[in-house]
Amino acid sequence: MSTTSQHHHLTTHLATTKNLHPTPQWLTAFLSTQKPTTPLPALTQTAVFRLLSSDITTSLASTLPQYILPPDIHNVNVQESRVQGPVVVQLLGIEDMGKSRWEQVEAIEALERGEGTKGREIIRVPAATATAEGDDDDGSGAVVGKGGGGPHKLSLQDARGTGVYGIELKDVKGVGLGMSIGCKMVLKNVLVARGVLLMEPANTTILGGKIEALHRAWKENRKAELKAAIEANERTARSNT
């Protein structure tokens, strides 16, 4: 198959199955690293893996308005609007608003030890690993939350680099403190209330993926921020007694 045919196949497949619209430059660079004899299924799996592991501000198209967040999304004077989408965003941060700061620190440390929670019972879970390119699943290297807890507040970013917060109205499958930073998700017909996305299962789909450097930095910084806030509150409490 010629490079042109491969380019067309990947463009169509990624758009119709994942709502991913890579730039022509990204696709050309990707295909230049692949053998011409690579079977299409393997080529497709590898393309999905690479995209979900990429920074979408450099890999996805950001010129078509239907694939990015509206420019006025932060206007708090607009009481209510909608993001029709599909818009792909990546996760930059997450907070469980149903947990105290100490509980969030404990949850992060449990995940670092490879532990999850089921009710109040601590269970061991396999360490999350990126899926090898060309495996039989979607090749996303997806690391998503185990569910539970919440509601969660998410810091999200689209392909143009526009940042926005989203809050779960209802539990979204895969959303949780165990999510990987850089995880990709698709937003469709999402209500926006004063600049905040109101997320629920009907309008949010988790694709998976992970940006390793961002994930590592966020995990380290988030735990430090939570502990610093706890210590500041304790100092304030002591000074008021």
Protein backbone atom coordinates (compact mmCIF):
# COMPACT_ATOMS: atom_id res chain seq x y z
CA MET A 1 0.00 0.00 0.00
CA SER A 2 1.32 3.42 -0.93
CA THR A 3 2.01 6.11 1.67
CA THR A 4 -0.90 8.15 0.27
CA SER A 5 -3.28 5.22 0.77
CA GLN A 6 -1.96 4.64 4.30
CA HIS A 7 -2.43 8.33 5.06
CA HIS A 8 -6.04 8.21 3.84
CA HIS A 9 -6.82 5.00 5.73
CA LEU A 10 -5.45 6.33 9.04
CA THR A 11 -7.17 9.68 8.67
CA THR A 12 -10.53 7.99 8.09
CA HIS A 13 -10.13 5.30 10.74
CA LEU A 14 -8.93 7.63 13.50
CA ALA A 15 -11.74 10.10 12.83
CA THR A 16 -14.57 7.57 12.64
CA THR A 17 -13.57 5.27 15.51
CA LYS A 18 -11.84 7.61 17.99
CA ASN A 19 -12.80 11.16 16.92
CA LEU A 20 -9.07 11.84 16.58
CA HIS A 21 -8.04 14.27 13.84
CA PRO A 22 -4.23 14.35 13.62
CA THR A 23 -2.53 17.06 11.63
CA PRO A 24 -1.16 16.07 8.20
CA GLN A 25 2.31 16.89 9.52
CA TRP A 26 1.91 14.46 12.42
CA LEU A 27 0.68 11.68 10.14
CA THR A 28 3.50 12.22 7.65
CA ALA A 29 6.10 12.13 10.41
CA PHE A 30 4.51 9.02 11.92
CA LEU A 31 4.40 7.13 8.61
CA SER A 32 8.05 7.98 7.94
CA THR A 33 8.97 5.88 11.02
CA GLN A 34 7.00 2.81 9.88
CA LYS A 35 8.01 0.05 7.50
CA PRO A 36 6.13 0.14 4.16
CA THR A 37 5.25 -3.54 4.64
CA THR A 38 3.61 -3.05 8.05
CA PRO A 39 0.10 -4.60 7.96
CA LEU A 40 -2.70 -2.05 8.21
CA PRO A 41 -4.12 -3.39 11.52
CA ALA A 42 -0.71 -3.11 13.19
CA LEU A 43 -0.12 0.31 11.65
CA THR A 44 -3.48 1.50 12.92
CA GLN A 45 -2.90 0.19 16.45
CA THR A 46 0.47 1.90 16.61
CA ALA A 47 -0.99 5.20 15.35
CA VAL A 48 -3.67 5.11 18.07
CA PHE A 49 -1.06 4.33 20.74
CA ARG A 50 1.21 7.16 19.61
CA LEU A 51 -1.63 9.69 19.45
CA LEU A 52 -2.99 8.83 22.88
CA SER A 53 0.53 9.15 24.27
CA SER A 54 1.10 12.50 22.58
CA ASP A 55 0.45 16.09 23.58
CA ILE A 56 -2.65 16.94 21.53
CA THR A 57 -1.58 20.58 21.23
CA THR A 58 1.10 19.37 18.81
CA SER A 59 -0.55 16.28 17.28
CA LEU A 60 -4.22 17.13 16.65
CA ALA A 61 -5.78 19.64 14.27
CA SER A 62 -6.75 22.88 16.00
CA THR A 63 -8.00 25.02 13.12
CA LEU A 64 -11.53 23.62 12.69
CA PRO A 65 -13.89 25.15 15.28
CA GLN A 66 -15.97 21.98 15.72
CA TYR A 67 -12.94 20.13 17.11
CA ILE A 68 -11.89 22.70 19.74
CA LEU A 69 -13.47 24.48 22.67
CA PRO A 70 -15.27 27.76 21.82
CA PRO A 71 -13.20 30.91 22.33
CA ASP A 72 -15.74 32.39 24.78
CA ILE A 73 -15.97 29.33 27.02
CA HIS A 74 -14.51 31.24 29.99
CA ASN A 75 -17.07 34.05 29.79
CA VAL A 76 -18.77 33.83 33.21
CA ASN A 77 -21.42 36.27 32.01
CA VAL A 78 -22.78 33.53 29.75
CA GLN A 79 -25.00 31.62 32.13
CA GLU A 80 -25.35 28.54 29.94
CA SER A 81 -24.02 27.25 26.61
CA ARG A 82 -23.10 23.95 24.98
CA VAL A 83 -19.99 22.39 23.48
CA GLN A 84 -21.43 20.36 20.60
CA GLY A 85 -18.20 18.58 19.69
CA PRO A 86 -16.88 16.06 19.31
CA VAL A 87 -13.96 17.79 21.05
CA VAL A 88 -10.96 15.78 22.23
CA VAL A 89 -9.35 17.04 25.43
CA GLN A 90 -6.50 15.78 27.60
CA LEU A 91 -6.38 15.60 31.39
CA LEU A 92 -3.98 17.98 33.17
CA GLY A 93 -5.17 17.44 36.73
CA ILE A 94 -7.92 15.88 38.84
CA GLU A 95 -9.33 16.41 42.32
CA ASP A 96 -11.82 14.31 44.29
CA MET A 97 -14.11 16.92 45.83
CA GLY A 98 -15.72 14.25 48.01
CA LYS A 99 -12.47 13.54 49.87
CA SER A 100 -10.57 15.61 52.40
CA ARG A 101 -6.99 16.65 51.59
CA TRP A 102 -5.62 13.87 53.82
CA GLU A 103 -7.83 11.29 52.12
CA GLN A 104 -6.57 12.46 48.73
CA VAL A 105 -2.94 12.16 49.90
CA GLU A 106 -3.67 8.64 51.17
CA ALA A 107 -5.35 7.73 47.87
CA ILE A 108 -2.34 8.93 45.84
CA GLU A 109 0.06 7.01 48.10
CA ALA A 110 -2.10 3.87 47.86
CA LEU A 111 -1.94 4.06 44.06
CA GLU A 112 1.83 4.47 44.26
CA ARG A 113 1.95 1.23 46.26
CA GLY A 114 -0.25 -0.51 43.73
CA GLU A 115 -3.28 -0.57 46.03
CA GLY A 116 -6.87 0.30 45.32
CA THR A 117 -9.92 0.50 47.52
CA LYS A 118 -13.16 -1.47 47.50
CA GLY A 119 -15.44 0.06 50.07
CA ARG A 120 -13.15 0.30 53.10
CA GLU A 121 -11.13 -2.74 52.13
CA ILE A 122 -7.64 -2.21 50.65
CA ILE A 123 -6.93 -4.51 47.72
CA ARG A 124 -3.82 -5.04 45.66
CA VAL A 125 -4.14 -4.13 41.99
CA PRO A 126 -1.64 -4.79 39.18
CA ALA A 127 0.69 -1.90 38.43
CA ALA A 128 -0.57 0.00 35.40
CA THR A 129 1.64 -0.36 32.41
CA ALA A 130 1.46 1.14 28.97
CA THR A 131 0.20 -1.27 26.36
CA ALA A 132 2.83 -2.37 23.90
CA GLU A 133 2.45 -1.04 20.41
CA GLY A 134 0.64 -3.44 18.16
CA ASP A 135 -1.15 -5.40 20.92
CA ASP A 136 -4.62 -6.73 20.27
CA ASP A 137 -6.45 -4.06 22.26
CA ASP A 138 -6.75 -0.42 21.22
CA GLY A 139 -3.08 0.16 21.97
CA SER A 140 -3.84 3.21 24.03
CA GLY A 141 -1.71 2.49 27.05
CA ALA A 142 -4.83 3.63 28.86
CA VAL A 143 -4.66 4.12 32.59
CA VAL A 144 -8.06 5.19 33.89
CA GLY A 145 -9.61 5.57 37.30
CA LYS A 146 -11.22 2.67 39.16
CA GLY A 147 -14.35 4.70 39.78
CA GLY A 148 -15.90 5.49 43.14
CA GLY A 149 -15.47 8.60 45.21
CA GLY A 150 -16.21 11.90 43.61
CA PRO A 151 -17.61 14.05 42.32
CA HIS A 152 -14.36 14.89 40.57
CA LYS A 153 -13.08 18.21 39.29
CA LEU A 154 -10.92 17.87 36.18
CA SER A 155 -8.49 20.28 34.57
CA LEU A 156 -8.72 19.77 30.81
CA GLN A 157 -7.04 21.13 27.67
CA ASP A 158 -8.00 21.01 24.00
CA ALA A 159 -5.83 20.85 20.88
CA ARG A 160 -5.46 24.63 20.72
CA GLY A 161 -4.21 24.73 24.31
CA THR A 162 -7.38 26.20 25.80
CA GLY A 163 -7.78 25.10 29.40
CA VAL A 164 -11.09 24.54 31.15
CA TYR A 165 -12.45 22.89 34.28
CA GLY A 166 -15.01 20.10 34.21
CA ILE A 167 -17.11 18.73 37.07
CA GLU A 168 -18.93 15.40 37.20
CA LEU A 169 -22.69 15.80 37.45
CA LYS A 170 -22.93 12.00 37.43
CA ASP A 171 -20.21 9.38 37.78
CA VAL A 172 -18.32 8.96 34.50
CA LYS A 173 -16.88 5.48 33.99
CA GLY A 174 -13.09 5.61 34.17
CA VAL A 175 -12.88 8.96 35.98
CA GLY A 176 -11.00 8.78 39.28
CA LEU A 177 -7.78 9.63 41.08
CA GLY A 178 -6.13 6.66 39.36
CA MET A 179 -6.39 8.34 35.95
CA SER A 180 -3.20 9.10 34.09
CA ILE A 181 -2.37 12.70 33.33
CA GLY A 182 -2.56 13.11 29.58
CA CYS A 183 -5.56 10.76 29.37
CA LYS A 184 -7.67 11.67 26.34
CA MET A 185 -11.45 11.99 26.38
CA VAL A 186 -14.14 13.01 23.90
CA LEU A 187 -16.76 15.62 24.78
CA LYS A 188 -20.10 15.74 22.92
CA ASN A 189 -23.06 18.02 23.63
CA VAL A 190 -21.67 19.13 27.00
CA LEU A 191 -23.48 21.80 28.99
CA VAL A 192 -21.24 24.69 30.08
CA ALA A 193 -22.34 26.65 33.15
CA ARG A 194 -20.41 29.89 33.69
CA GLY A 195 -17.25 28.51 32.10
CA VAL A 196 -17.36 25.04 33.68
CA LEU A 197 -18.08 21.81 31.78
CA LEU A 198 -20.82 19.68 33.37
CA MET A 199 -19.75 16.11 32.65
CA GLU A 200 -21.81 12.92 32.73
CA PRO A 201 -21.72 9.51 30.98
CA ALA A 202 -23.92 10.69 28.10
CA ASN A 203 -21.48 13.41 27.03
CA THR A 204 -18.02 12.16 28.06
CA THR A 205 -16.10 9.20 26.64
CA ILE A 206 -12.69 8.13 27.97
CA LEU A 207 -10.18 7.15 25.26
CA GLY A 208 -7.23 6.57 27.59
CA GLY A 209 -3.57 7.36 27.09
CA LYS A 210 -0.87 8.94 29.20
CA ILE A 211 1.82 11.61 28.90
CA GLU A 212 4.51 10.12 31.13
CA ALA A 213 6.43 13.32 31.96
CA LEU A 214 3.27 15.26 32.84
CA HIS A 215 1.89 12.37 34.89
CA ARG A 216 5.04 12.02 36.97
CA ALA A 217 5.31 15.77 37.60
CA TRP A 218 1.64 16.13 38.52
CA LYS A 219 1.72 13.22 40.97
CA GLU A 220 4.75 14.64 42.78
CA ASN A 221 3.48 18.22 42.81
CA ARG A 222 -0.10 17.34 43.75
CA LYS A 223 0.90 15.42 46.85
CA ALA A 224 3.24 18.24 47.91
CA GLU A 225 0.49 20.84 47.38
CA LEU A 226 -2.01 18.86 49.44
CA LYS A 227 0.46 18.38 52.31
CA ALA A 228 1.42 22.06 52.25
CA ALA A 229 -2.25 23.06 52.45
CA ILE A 230 -2.81 20.68 55.37
CA GLU A 231 0.19 22.10 57.24
CA ALA A 232 -0.98 25.67 56.58
CA ASN A 233 -4.42 24.85 58.00
CA GLU A 234 -2.85 23.24 61.08
CA ARG A 235 -0.68 26.32 61.69
CA THR A 236 -3.74 28.56 61.38
CA ALA A 237 -5.68 26.38 63.79
CA ARG A 238 -2.85 26.44 66.35
CA SER A 239 -2.51 30.22 66.12
CA ASN A 240 -6.24 30.64 66.78
CA THR A 241 -6.18 28.56 69.96
